[in-house]
Structure formats: structure tokens, C-alpha cells
Amino acid sequence: MTPKDLMGDLVARTVIITIYMILCQLLCAVTKPWLATIIELATQSLLIAFYCFEYKTAAAGIDTPTGLNLFERQWVYQTGFGFPFTLVMYLSKSLGSSVFFVFFPLLVVISCDENGQGLLLVRNERKTDIKFHLFSIAMQLKDKFLDGITRQIMRQRLTASTVSESAAADPITKDESEKTR
């Protein structure tokens, strides 16, 4: 991947995670408190597992959409991988994010270990027939969001280039603009 592609992937990943977090919060807000706790634990487990396995997919040269596609097919394994850590963080909220900073590097090492319980990129027994589509929804919303921004930028550039071309083509306008300076 070129540096431009890496930067685009980083921005896309950030937008996807932000949309995912917003969707999770909305899902928790519209449910009963006990169900919201279960949803929060499950979605946070997936997010922590994604953070851990993202290192492995990035090292393998896999872009974010492809990595999330792999991730969604192994969502049961991923939820189980992130759940113990998420539960510890949930039960020790008073400690803040210090639990995350202590144990996260260990989870990253475990996730990258091919011989241990880490993500094997093509391990069929971890795939399920039921795909978890919350990341896919976030990717679709990201595409609409970034496409809208891109169209807006292109319109602004087109308008700016049209104005500068018309000013360069019209010598009277150019002379008048120099006189007003």
C-alpha cells in the first residue's frame, strides 16, 4: 500500500470505529438497562478484539474493509476473545483506563501468535454462517459520509478553478483587480 492508501485507510478506519461506537450507544439507549449492559459488553468485546487483531491484519497488508469482513465471519470467536478483558474493564470502571493500558499489550501479543489462540486469517472452524453486520453497517455509513465530503470538496475545487480560469481569461477583470489593490 502506498502512503496515500495507508492514510486513506487510517481515516476510513477511524470513521468506521466512530460510527460503530455511535451505533452501539444508540442500541444501548433504546433498550432496557439490563439488556443494554449485555449489548455493551458484547459490542465492547468485539471492539477490543478488533483493536488487538488489527495489528495482525495490518502486518499482513490487509486493508480495513477486508479485515472487517474476516472479522465479521469470526465474530463468535472474537467476542469470546475480547469478553474476559471487557468484563474486567467493566467491573473495574473506578480504575479508569489503567486496566486497558496494562493488559492490552498482552492481548495484542496473544492475537498475533499463530501457534496459540490468535487469529488465523483462513481458519474455517472459527467462521460462522451468521455474519455480524454491525461493522458492515458502519462501513456503509462511512462510505456515504466520505463520499459526501469528497463530492463537496470536488465541487469547491471545480468552482475555484472555474473562477480562476475565467479571471485569467478576462484581461479587463484582471486589470481592474490590480487597480483596486
N, C-alpha and C. Protein backbone atom coordinates (compact mmCIF):
# COMPACT_ATOMS: atom_id res chain seq x y z
N MET A 1 0.85 -1.18 0.00
CA MET A 1 0.00 0.00 0.00
C MET A 1 0.89 1.24 0.00
N THR A 2 0.47 2.22 -0.77
CA THR A 2 1.21 3.48 -0.82
C THR A 2 0.89 4.30 0.44
N PRO A 3 1.71 5.28 0.76
CA PRO A 3 1.41 6.12 1.92
C PRO A 3 0.03 6.79 1.83
N LYS A 4 -0.36 7.15 0.61
CA LYS A 4 -1.68 7.76 0.41
C LYS A 4 -2.78 6.75 0.76
N ASP A 5 -2.60 5.50 0.33
CA ASP A 5 -3.58 4.45 0.64
C ASP A 5 -3.64 4.18 2.14
N LEU A 6 -2.46 4.16 2.78
CA LEU A 6 -2.42 3.93 4.23
C LEU A 6 -3.15 5.04 4.98
N MET A 7 -2.93 6.28 4.54
CA MET A 7 -3.59 7.41 5.19
C MET A 7 -5.09 7.34 4.98
N GLY A 8 -5.53 7.00 3.77
CA GLY A 8 -6.95 6.85 3.49
C GLY A 8 -7.56 5.73 4.32
N ASP A 9 -6.83 4.63 4.47
CA ASP A 9 -7.31 3.50 5.28
C ASP A 9 -7.42 3.90 6.75
N LEU A 10 -6.46 4.68 7.22
CA LEU A 10 -6.49 5.14 8.62
C LEU A 10 -7.70 6.04 8.87
N VAL A 11 -7.95 6.96 7.96
CA VAL A 11 -9.12 7.84 8.10
C VAL A 11 -10.41 7.03 8.04
N ALA A 12 -10.48 6.11 7.09
CA ALA A 12 -11.68 5.27 6.95
C ALA A 12 -11.90 4.43 8.20
N ARG A 13 -10.83 3.86 8.75
CA ARG A 13 -10.93 3.04 9.96
C ARG A 13 -11.43 3.88 11.14
N THR A 14 -10.92 5.09 11.25
CA THR A 14 -11.35 5.97 12.33
C THR A 14 -12.83 6.30 12.22
N VAL A 15 -13.28 6.59 11.01
CA VAL A 15 -14.69 6.90 10.79
C VAL A 15 -15.55 5.66 11.07
N ILE A 16 -15.10 4.48 10.63
CA ILE A 16 -15.85 3.25 10.87
C ILE A 16 -16.00 2.99 12.37
N ILE A 17 -14.92 3.12 13.12
CA ILE A 17 -14.97 2.88 14.57
C ILE A 17 -15.86 3.91 15.24
N THR A 18 -15.79 5.16 14.81
CA THR A 18 -16.65 6.20 15.40
C THR A 18 -18.12 5.89 15.14
N ILE A 19 -18.45 5.52 13.92
CA ILE A 19 -19.84 5.17 13.59
C ILE A 19 -20.27 3.93 14.37
N TYR A 20 -19.38 2.94 14.48
CA TYR A 20 -19.69 1.73 15.25
C TYR A 20 -20.01 2.09 16.70
N MET A 21 -19.21 2.96 17.29
CA MET A 21 -19.45 3.37 18.69
C MET A 21 -20.79 4.10 18.82
N ILE A 22 -21.11 4.96 17.87
CA ILE A 22 -22.38 5.69 17.91
C ILE A 22 -23.55 4.70 17.78
N LEU A 23 -23.43 3.75 16.85
CA LEU A 23 -24.49 2.74 16.69
C LEU A 23 -24.67 1.93 17.97
N CYS A 24 -23.57 1.55 18.61
CA CYS A 24 -23.65 0.78 19.85
C CYS A 24 -24.33 1.59 20.96
N GLN A 25 -23.98 2.87 21.05
CA GLN A 25 -24.59 3.72 22.07
C GLN A 25 -26.09 3.91 21.80
N LEU A 26 -26.45 4.08 20.54
CA LEU A 26 -27.87 4.20 20.20
C LEU A 26 -28.62 2.91 20.51
N LEU A 27 -28.00 1.78 20.22
CA LEU A 27 -28.61 0.49 20.52
C LEU A 27 -28.81 0.32 22.02
N CYS A 28 -27.84 0.73 22.80
CA CYS A 28 -27.96 0.65 24.27
C CYS A 28 -29.01 1.62 24.80
N ALA A 29 -29.13 2.77 24.15
CA ALA A 29 -30.07 3.80 24.63
C ALA A 29 -31.53 3.40 24.43
N VAL A 30 -31.82 2.58 23.44
CA VAL A 30 -33.21 2.24 23.15
C VAL A 30 -33.64 0.91 23.78
N THR A 31 -32.78 0.32 24.58
CA THR A 31 -33.14 -0.95 25.22
C THR A 31 -33.23 -0.78 26.72
N LYS A 32 -33.73 -1.80 27.37
CA LYS A 32 -33.82 -1.80 28.83
C LYS A 32 -32.42 -1.84 29.43
N PRO A 33 -32.24 -1.33 30.65
CA PRO A 33 -30.89 -1.25 31.25
C PRO A 33 -30.15 -2.59 31.33
N TRP A 34 -30.84 -3.66 31.70
CA TRP A 34 -30.15 -4.95 31.81
C TRP A 34 -29.71 -5.46 30.43
N LEU A 35 -30.53 -5.20 29.40
CA LEU A 35 -30.17 -5.61 28.05
C LEU A 35 -29.08 -4.70 27.49
N ALA A 36 -29.13 -3.44 27.87
CA ALA A 36 -28.09 -2.50 27.43
C ALA A 36 -26.72 -2.91 27.97
N THR A 37 -26.67 -3.45 29.18
CA THR A 37 -25.41 -3.92 29.75
C THR A 37 -24.86 -5.09 28.95
N ILE A 38 -25.72 -6.00 28.58
CA ILE A 38 -25.29 -7.16 27.78
C ILE A 38 -24.81 -6.70 26.40
N ILE A 39 -25.56 -5.77 25.79
CA ILE A 39 -25.17 -5.25 24.48
C ILE A 39 -23.83 -4.52 24.58
N GLU A 40 -23.66 -3.73 25.64
CA GLU A 40 -22.41 -3.00 25.83
C GLU A 40 -21.23 -3.96 25.98
N LEU A 41 -21.41 -5.01 26.78
CA LEU A 41 -20.33 -5.98 26.96
C LEU A 41 -19.98 -6.69 25.64
N ALA A 42 -21.00 -7.07 24.89
CA ALA A 42 -20.75 -7.78 23.63
C ALA A 42 -20.09 -6.86 22.59
N THR A 43 -20.61 -5.66 22.44
CA THR A 43 -20.05 -4.76 21.42
C THR A 43 -18.65 -4.28 21.81
N GLN A 44 -18.41 -4.05 23.10
CA GLN A 44 -17.08 -3.65 23.54
C GLN A 44 -16.09 -4.80 23.40
N SER A 45 -16.58 -6.03 23.62
CA SER A 45 -15.72 -7.20 23.41
C SER A 45 -15.27 -7.28 21.96
N LEU A 46 -16.20 -7.05 21.05
CA LEU A 46 -15.86 -7.04 19.63
C LEU A 46 -14.87 -5.92 19.29
N LEU A 47 -15.08 -4.76 19.87
CA LEU A 47 -14.20 -3.63 19.59
C LEU A 47 -12.79 -3.89 20.09
N ILE A 48 -12.66 -4.42 21.29
CA ILE A 48 -11.34 -4.71 21.84
C ILE A 48 -10.65 -5.80 21.01
N ALA A 49 -11.40 -6.83 20.62
CA ALA A 49 -10.83 -7.87 19.77
C ALA A 49 -10.39 -7.27 18.43
N PHE A 50 -11.18 -6.37 17.88
CA PHE A 50 -10.79 -5.72 16.62
C PHE A 50 -9.49 -4.94 16.81
N TYR A 51 -9.38 -4.18 17.90
CA TYR A 51 -8.15 -3.44 18.15
C TYR A 51 -6.94 -4.38 18.22
N CYS A 52 -7.11 -5.52 18.87
CA CYS A 52 -6.00 -6.47 19.01
C CYS A 52 -5.63 -7.09 17.67
N PHE A 53 -6.61 -7.56 16.92
CA PHE A 53 -6.34 -8.26 15.67
C PHE A 53 -6.03 -7.31 14.53
N GLU A 54 -6.29 -6.04 14.73
CA GLU A 54 -5.96 -5.05 13.70
C GLU A 54 -4.45 -5.02 13.44
N TYR A 55 -3.66 -5.24 14.47
CA TYR A 55 -2.21 -5.28 14.29
C TYR A 55 -1.81 -6.40 13.34
N LYS A 56 -2.47 -7.54 13.50
CA LYS A 56 -2.14 -8.70 12.65
C LYS A 56 -2.57 -8.47 11.20
N THR A 57 -3.77 -7.95 11.00
CA THR A 57 -4.23 -7.72 9.63
C THR A 57 -3.41 -6.62 8.96
N ALA A 58 -3.01 -5.61 9.71
CA ALA A 58 -2.18 -4.54 9.14
C ALA A 58 -0.81 -5.09 8.75
N ALA A 59 -0.23 -5.96 9.58
CA ALA A 59 1.08 -6.56 9.27
C ALA A 59 0.98 -7.47 8.05
N ALA A 60 -0.18 -8.07 7.84
CA ALA A 60 -0.38 -8.95 6.69
C ALA A 60 -0.72 -8.15 5.42
N GLY A 61 -0.83 -6.83 5.54
CA GLY A 61 -1.13 -5.99 4.39
C GLY A 61 -2.59 -6.01 3.98
N ILE A 62 -3.46 -6.34 4.91
CA ILE A 62 -4.90 -6.42 4.61
C ILE A 62 -5.53 -5.07 4.93
N ASP A 63 -6.31 -4.54 3.99
CA ASP A 63 -6.96 -3.26 4.23
C ASP A 63 -8.13 -3.43 5.20
N THR A 64 -8.63 -2.33 5.72
CA THR A 64 -9.67 -2.36 6.75
C THR A 64 -10.95 -3.06 6.31
N PRO A 65 -11.53 -2.78 5.14
CA PRO A 65 -12.76 -3.48 4.77
C PRO A 65 -12.59 -5.01 4.68
N THR A 66 -11.47 -5.46 4.13
CA THR A 66 -11.22 -6.90 4.04
C THR A 66 -11.02 -7.49 5.42
N GLY A 67 -10.27 -6.78 6.27
CA GLY A 67 -10.05 -7.25 7.64
C GLY A 67 -11.35 -7.33 8.42
N LEU A 68 -12.23 -6.35 8.24
CA LEU A 68 -13.52 -6.38 8.94
C LEU A 68 -14.41 -7.48 8.39
N ASN A 69 -14.29 -7.79 7.12
CA ASN A 69 -15.05 -8.90 6.55
C ASN A 69 -14.62 -10.21 7.20
N LEU A 70 -13.31 -10.41 7.32
CA LEU A 70 -12.80 -11.60 8.03
C LEU A 70 -13.28 -11.61 9.48
N PHE A 71 -13.21 -10.46 10.09
CA PHE A 71 -13.60 -10.31 11.50
C PHE A 71 -15.07 -10.65 11.71
N GLU A 72 -15.93 -10.18 10.82
CA GLU A 72 -17.37 -10.43 10.95
C GLU A 72 -17.72 -11.90 10.78
N ARG A 73 -16.93 -12.61 9.99
CA ARG A 73 -17.19 -14.04 9.83
C ARG A 73 -16.73 -14.85 11.03
N GLN A 74 -15.90 -14.25 11.88
CA GLN A 74 -15.41 -14.93 13.08
C GLN A 74 -15.88 -14.20 14.35
N TRP A 75 -17.04 -13.59 14.29
CA TRP A 75 -17.49 -12.74 15.39
C TRP A 75 -17.69 -13.50 16.69
N VAL A 76 -18.06 -14.76 16.64
CA VAL A 76 -18.25 -15.53 17.88
C VAL A 76 -16.90 -15.69 18.58
N TYR A 77 -15.89 -16.10 17.82
CA TYR A 77 -14.54 -16.23 18.39
C TYR A 77 -14.04 -14.88 18.91
N GLN A 78 -14.25 -13.83 18.13
CA GLN A 78 -13.78 -12.50 18.51
C GLN A 78 -14.45 -12.00 19.79
N THR A 79 -15.74 -12.25 19.90
CA THR A 79 -16.45 -11.83 21.11
C THR A 79 -15.89 -12.58 22.32
N GLY A 80 -15.66 -13.87 22.16
CA GLY A 80 -15.08 -14.65 23.25
C GLY A 80 -13.67 -14.22 23.59
N PHE A 81 -12.91 -13.81 22.58
CA PHE A 81 -11.55 -13.34 22.82
C PHE A 81 -11.55 -12.05 23.64
N GLY A 82 -12.42 -11.12 23.29
CA GLY A 82 -12.43 -9.83 23.97
C GLY A 82 -13.24 -9.79 25.25
N PHE A 83 -14.10 -10.79 25.46
CA PHE A 83 -15.02 -10.74 26.61
C PHE A 83 -14.34 -10.71 27.97
N PRO A 84 -13.37 -11.58 28.28
CA PRO A 84 -12.77 -11.53 29.62
C PRO A 84 -12.16 -10.17 29.94
N PHE A 85 -11.48 -9.59 28.96
CA PHE A 85 -10.87 -8.28 29.15
C PHE A 85 -11.93 -7.20 29.33
N THR A 86 -12.98 -7.29 28.53
CA THR A 86 -14.08 -6.32 28.64
C THR A 86 -14.77 -6.43 29.99
N LEU A 87 -14.97 -7.64 30.46
CA LEU A 87 -15.61 -7.85 31.76
C LEU A 87 -14.76 -7.28 32.88
N VAL A 88 -13.46 -7.48 32.83
CA VAL A 88 -12.57 -6.90 33.85
C VAL A 88 -12.64 -5.38 33.80
N MET A 89 -12.64 -4.82 32.60
CA MET A 89 -12.74 -3.36 32.49
C MET A 89 -14.09 -2.86 32.99
N TYR A 90 -15.16 -3.59 32.70
CA TYR A 90 -16.50 -3.18 33.13
C TYR A 90 -16.61 -3.23 34.65
N LEU A 91 -16.05 -4.26 35.26
CA LEU A 91 -16.15 -4.40 36.72
C LEU A 91 -15.21 -3.47 37.46
N SER A 92 -14.19 -2.97 36.80
CA SER A 92 -13.24 -2.07 37.46
C SER A 92 -13.27 -0.69 36.82
N LYS A 93 -14.47 -0.17 36.60
CA LYS A 93 -14.60 1.16 35.99
C LYS A 93 -13.96 2.24 36.85
N SER A 94 -13.89 2.01 38.16
CA SER A 94 -13.32 3.02 39.05
C SER A 94 -11.82 3.22 38.79
N LEU A 95 -11.17 2.22 38.19
CA LEU A 95 -9.74 2.35 37.90
C LEU A 95 -9.48 3.10 36.60
N GLY A 96 -10.53 3.37 35.88
CA GLY A 96 -10.38 4.10 34.63
C GLY A 96 -9.75 3.24 33.56
N SER A 97 -8.97 3.85 32.70
CA SER A 97 -8.39 3.13 31.57
C SER A 97 -7.07 2.47 31.91
N SER A 98 -6.65 2.49 33.17
CA SER A 98 -5.37 1.87 33.54
C SER A 98 -5.39 0.37 33.28
N VAL A 99 -6.54 -0.29 33.48
CA VAL A 99 -6.65 -1.72 33.20
C VAL A 99 -6.39 -1.98 31.72
N PHE A 100 -6.92 -1.13 30.87
CA PHE A 100 -6.71 -1.26 29.43
C PHE A 100 -5.23 -1.18 29.10
N PHE A 101 -4.54 -0.19 29.65
CA PHE A 101 -3.14 0.02 29.31
C PHE A 101 -2.23 -1.07 29.87
N VAL A 102 -2.64 -1.74 30.93
CA VAL A 102 -1.84 -2.82 31.49
C VAL A 102 -1.99 -4.10 30.68
N PHE A 103 -3.22 -4.47 30.33
CA PHE A 103 -3.46 -5.77 29.71
C PHE A 103 -3.53 -5.76 28.18
N PHE A 104 -3.76 -4.62 27.57
CA PHE A 104 -3.90 -4.57 26.12
C PHE A 104 -2.67 -5.11 25.37
N PRO A 105 -1.45 -4.73 25.75
CA PRO A 105 -0.28 -5.29 25.04
C PRO A 105 -0.23 -6.82 25.10
N LEU A 106 -0.62 -7.40 26.20
CA LEU A 106 -0.65 -8.86 26.31
C LEU A 106 -1.65 -9.46 25.32
N LEU A 107 -2.81 -8.84 25.19
CA LEU A 107 -3.80 -9.34 24.23
C LEU A 107 -3.32 -9.21 22.79
N VAL A 108 -2.59 -8.16 22.49
CA VAL A 108 -2.06 -7.99 21.14
C VAL A 108 -1.06 -9.10 20.84
N VAL A 109 -0.20 -9.41 21.80
CA VAL A 109 0.77 -10.49 21.59
C VAL A 109 0.05 -11.82 21.40
N ILE A 110 -0.98 -12.08 22.20
CA ILE A 110 -1.74 -13.32 22.06
C ILE A 110 -2.42 -13.37 20.69
N SER A 111 -2.95 -12.25 20.24
CA SER A 111 -3.66 -12.24 18.96
C SER A 111 -2.73 -12.46 17.78
N CYS A 112 -1.48 -12.10 17.91
CA CYS A 112 -0.53 -12.25 16.81
C CYS A 112 0.15 -13.62 16.78
N ASP A 113 -0.02 -14.41 17.81
CA ASP A 113 0.64 -15.71 17.90
C ASP A 113 -0.10 -16.74 17.06
N GLU A 114 0.51 -17.18 15.97
CA GLU A 114 -0.12 -18.15 15.08
C GLU A 114 -0.30 -19.52 15.75
N ASN A 115 0.61 -19.90 16.63
CA ASN A 115 0.54 -21.22 17.25
C ASN A 115 -0.40 -21.25 18.45
N GLY A 116 -0.72 -20.09 18.97
CA GLY A 116 -1.60 -20.03 20.12
C GLY A 116 -3.05 -19.86 19.68
N GLN A 117 -3.76 -18.99 20.34
CA GLN A 117 -5.17 -18.79 20.03
C GLN A 117 -5.41 -17.56 19.17
N GLY A 118 -4.37 -17.07 18.51
CA GLY A 118 -4.52 -15.88 17.69
C GLY A 118 -5.31 -16.11 16.42
N LEU A 119 -5.60 -15.06 15.75
CA LEU A 119 -6.39 -15.11 14.52
C LEU A 119 -5.59 -15.75 13.40
N LEU A 120 -6.07 -16.85 12.92
CA LEU A 120 -5.53 -17.42 11.69
C LEU A 120 -6.42 -16.88 10.58
N LEU A 121 -5.82 -16.23 9.64
CA LEU A 121 -6.59 -15.50 8.65
C LEU A 121 -7.51 -16.39 7.83
N VAL A 122 -7.21 -17.68 7.76
CA VAL A 122 -8.05 -18.57 6.95
C VAL A 122 -8.49 -19.78 7.77
N ARG A 123 -8.82 -19.62 8.99
CA ARG A 123 -9.20 -20.75 9.83
C ARG A 123 -10.69 -20.98 9.71
N ASN A 124 -11.10 -22.03 9.06
CA ASN A 124 -12.52 -22.26 8.76
C ASN A 124 -13.35 -22.61 9.97
N GLU A 125 -12.79 -23.30 10.96
CA GLU A 125 -13.62 -23.71 12.09
C GLU A 125 -14.06 -22.54 12.97
N ARG A 126 -13.45 -21.38 12.79
CA ARG A 126 -13.86 -20.21 13.57
C ARG A 126 -14.90 -19.37 12.85
N LYS A 127 -15.18 -19.70 11.62
CA LYS A 127 -16.16 -18.93 10.86
C LYS A 127 -17.55 -19.46 11.14
N THR A 128 -18.52 -18.55 11.14
CA THR A 128 -19.91 -18.94 11.35
C THR A 128 -20.72 -18.60 10.11
N ASP A 129 -21.88 -19.23 9.99
CA ASP A 129 -22.77 -18.92 8.88
C ASP A 129 -23.49 -17.60 9.10
N ILE A 130 -23.62 -17.23 10.36
CA ILE A 130 -24.31 -15.98 10.71
C ILE A 130 -23.26 -14.88 10.80
N LYS A 131 -23.40 -13.88 9.98
CA LYS A 131 -22.44 -12.78 9.94
C LYS A 131 -22.95 -11.63 10.80
N PHE A 132 -22.08 -11.07 11.61
CA PHE A 132 -22.41 -9.92 12.46
C PHE A 132 -22.24 -8.66 11.63
N HIS A 133 -23.34 -7.98 11.31
CA HIS A 133 -23.30 -6.90 10.32
C HIS A 133 -23.15 -5.49 10.90
N LEU A 134 -22.85 -5.34 12.17
CA LEU A 134 -22.76 -4.00 12.73
C LEU A 134 -21.58 -3.23 12.12
N PHE A 135 -20.47 -3.91 11.88
CA PHE A 135 -19.35 -3.25 11.22
C PHE A 135 -19.68 -2.95 9.76
N SER A 136 -20.41 -3.84 9.09
CA SER A 136 -20.80 -3.60 7.70
C SER A 136 -21.69 -2.37 7.59
N ILE A 137 -22.60 -2.22 8.54
CA ILE A 137 -23.47 -1.03 8.56
C ILE A 137 -22.61 0.21 8.75
N ALA A 138 -21.65 0.13 9.66
CA ALA A 138 -20.76 1.27 9.88
C ALA A 138 -19.94 1.58 8.63
N MET A 139 -19.50 0.54 7.90
CA MET A 139 -18.75 0.77 6.66
C MET A 139 -19.62 1.43 5.60
N GLN A 140 -20.88 1.02 5.50
CA GLN A 140 -21.78 1.63 4.51
C GLN A 140 -22.04 3.09 4.85
N LEU A 141 -22.26 3.38 6.13
CA LEU A 141 -22.46 4.77 6.54
C LEU A 141 -21.20 5.60 6.32
N LYS A 142 -20.03 4.99 6.56
CA LYS A 142 -18.76 5.68 6.30
C LYS A 142 -18.63 6.02 4.84
N ASP A 143 -18.98 5.08 3.95
CA ASP A 143 -18.89 5.33 2.51
C ASP A 143 -19.78 6.50 2.11
N LYS A 144 -21.00 6.54 2.63
CA LYS A 144 -21.90 7.65 2.32
C LYS A 144 -21.34 8.96 2.86
N PHE A 145 -20.81 8.93 4.08
CA PHE A 145 -20.27 10.13 4.72
C PHE A 145 -19.06 10.65 3.95
N LEU A 146 -18.08 9.77 3.67
CA LEU A 146 -16.87 10.21 2.98
C LEU A 146 -17.15 10.57 1.52
N ASP A 147 -18.08 9.87 0.87
CA ASP A 147 -18.44 10.23 -0.49
C ASP A 147 -19.06 11.62 -0.55
N GLY A 148 -19.89 11.93 0.43
CA GLY A 148 -20.49 13.27 0.50
C GLY A 148 -19.44 14.34 0.69
N ILE A 149 -18.48 14.08 1.56
CA ILE A 149 -17.40 15.05 1.79
C ILE A 149 -16.55 15.20 0.53
N THR A 150 -16.23 14.08 -0.12
CA THR A 150 -15.43 14.12 -1.34
C THR A 150 -16.13 14.90 -2.44
N ARG A 151 -17.44 14.67 -2.60
CA ARG A 151 -18.19 15.43 -3.61
C ARG A 151 -18.18 16.92 -3.30
N GLN A 152 -18.30 17.26 -2.03
CA GLN A 152 -18.30 18.67 -1.64
C GLN A 152 -16.94 19.31 -1.94
N ILE A 153 -15.86 18.60 -1.64
CA ILE A 153 -14.51 19.12 -1.92
C ILE A 153 -14.31 19.28 -3.42
N MET A 154 -14.75 18.30 -4.19
CA MET A 154 -14.60 18.37 -5.65
C MET A 154 -15.40 19.54 -6.22
N ARG A 155 -16.60 19.78 -5.69
CA ARG A 155 -17.39 20.93 -6.14
C ARG A 155 -16.67 22.23 -5.84
N GLN A 156 -16.10 22.33 -4.63
CA GLN A 156 -15.38 23.55 -4.27
C GLN A 156 -14.17 23.77 -5.16
N ARG A 157 -13.43 22.69 -5.44
CA ARG A 157 -12.26 22.81 -6.32
C ARG A 157 -12.67 23.19 -7.73
N LEU A 158 -13.76 22.59 -8.22
CA LEU A 158 -14.24 22.90 -9.55
C LEU A 158 -14.68 24.36 -9.63
N THR A 159 -15.39 24.82 -8.62
CA THR A 159 -15.83 26.21 -8.58
C THR A 159 -14.62 27.15 -8.51
N ALA A 160 -13.64 26.84 -7.69
CA ALA A 160 -12.45 27.68 -7.56
C ALA A 160 -11.65 27.71 -8.85
N SER A 161 -11.52 26.55 -9.50
CA SER A 161 -10.76 26.52 -10.76
C SER A 161 -11.51 27.25 -11.87
N THR A 162 -12.84 27.16 -11.88
CA THR A 162 -13.64 27.86 -12.89
C THR A 162 -13.51 29.36 -12.70
N VAL A 163 -13.55 29.83 -11.46
CA VAL A 163 -13.43 31.26 -11.18
C VAL A 163 -12.04 31.75 -11.56
N SER A 164 -11.00 30.99 -11.23
CA SER A 164 -9.64 31.43 -11.56
C SER A 164 -9.39 31.39 -13.07
N GLU A 165 -9.97 30.40 -13.77
CA GLU A 165 -9.82 30.34 -15.22
C GLU A 165 -10.54 31.51 -15.90
N SER A 166 -11.73 31.85 -15.40
CA SER A 166 -12.46 32.96 -16.01
C SER A 166 -11.78 34.28 -15.72
N ALA A 167 -11.15 34.41 -14.56
CA ALA A 167 -10.42 35.64 -14.24
C ALA A 167 -9.17 35.75 -15.09
N ALA A 168 -8.50 34.63 -15.35
CA ALA A 168 -7.30 34.65 -16.18
C ALA A 168 -7.65 34.90 -17.65
N ALA A 169 -8.80 34.46 -18.09
CA ALA A 169 -9.21 34.63 -19.48
C ALA A 169 -9.74 36.03 -19.76
N ASP A 170 -10.18 36.72 -18.75
CA ASP A 170 -10.76 38.05 -18.93
C ASP A 170 -9.72 39.10 -18.50
N PRO A 171 -8.99 39.71 -19.43
CA PRO A 171 -7.94 40.68 -19.07
C PRO A 171 -8.50 41.94 -18.42
N ILE A 172 -9.73 42.33 -18.73
CA ILE A 172 -10.31 43.53 -18.13
C ILE A 172 -10.50 43.32 -16.63
N THR A 173 -11.00 42.15 -16.24
CA THR A 173 -11.20 41.85 -14.83
C THR A 173 -9.85 41.82 -14.12
N LYS A 174 -8.83 41.30 -14.80
CA LYS A 174 -7.51 41.21 -14.21
C LYS A 174 -6.94 42.61 -13.97
N ASP A 175 -7.09 43.53 -14.97
CA ASP A 175 -6.59 44.89 -14.83
C ASP A 175 -7.34 45.63 -13.73
N GLU A 176 -8.67 45.43 -13.64
CA GLU A 176 -9.45 46.09 -12.60
C GLU A 176 -9.07 45.60 -11.22
N SER A 177 -8.76 44.31 -11.07
CA SER A 177 -8.37 43.78 -9.76
C SER A 177 -7.02 44.31 -9.35
N GLU A 178 -6.12 44.57 -10.32
CA GLU A 178 -4.82 45.13 -10.00
C GLU A 178 -4.95 46.60 -9.58
N LYS A 179 -5.92 47.34 -10.18
CA LYS A 179 -6.12 48.75 -9.85
C LYS A 179 -6.70 48.91 -8.44
N THR A 180 -7.51 47.94 -8.00
CA THR A 180 -8.12 48.07 -6.69
C THR A 180 -7.14 47.76 -5.57
N ARG A 181 -6.03 47.14 -5.88
CA ARG A 181 -5.02 46.85 -4.87
C ARG A 181 -4.34 48.10 -4.52
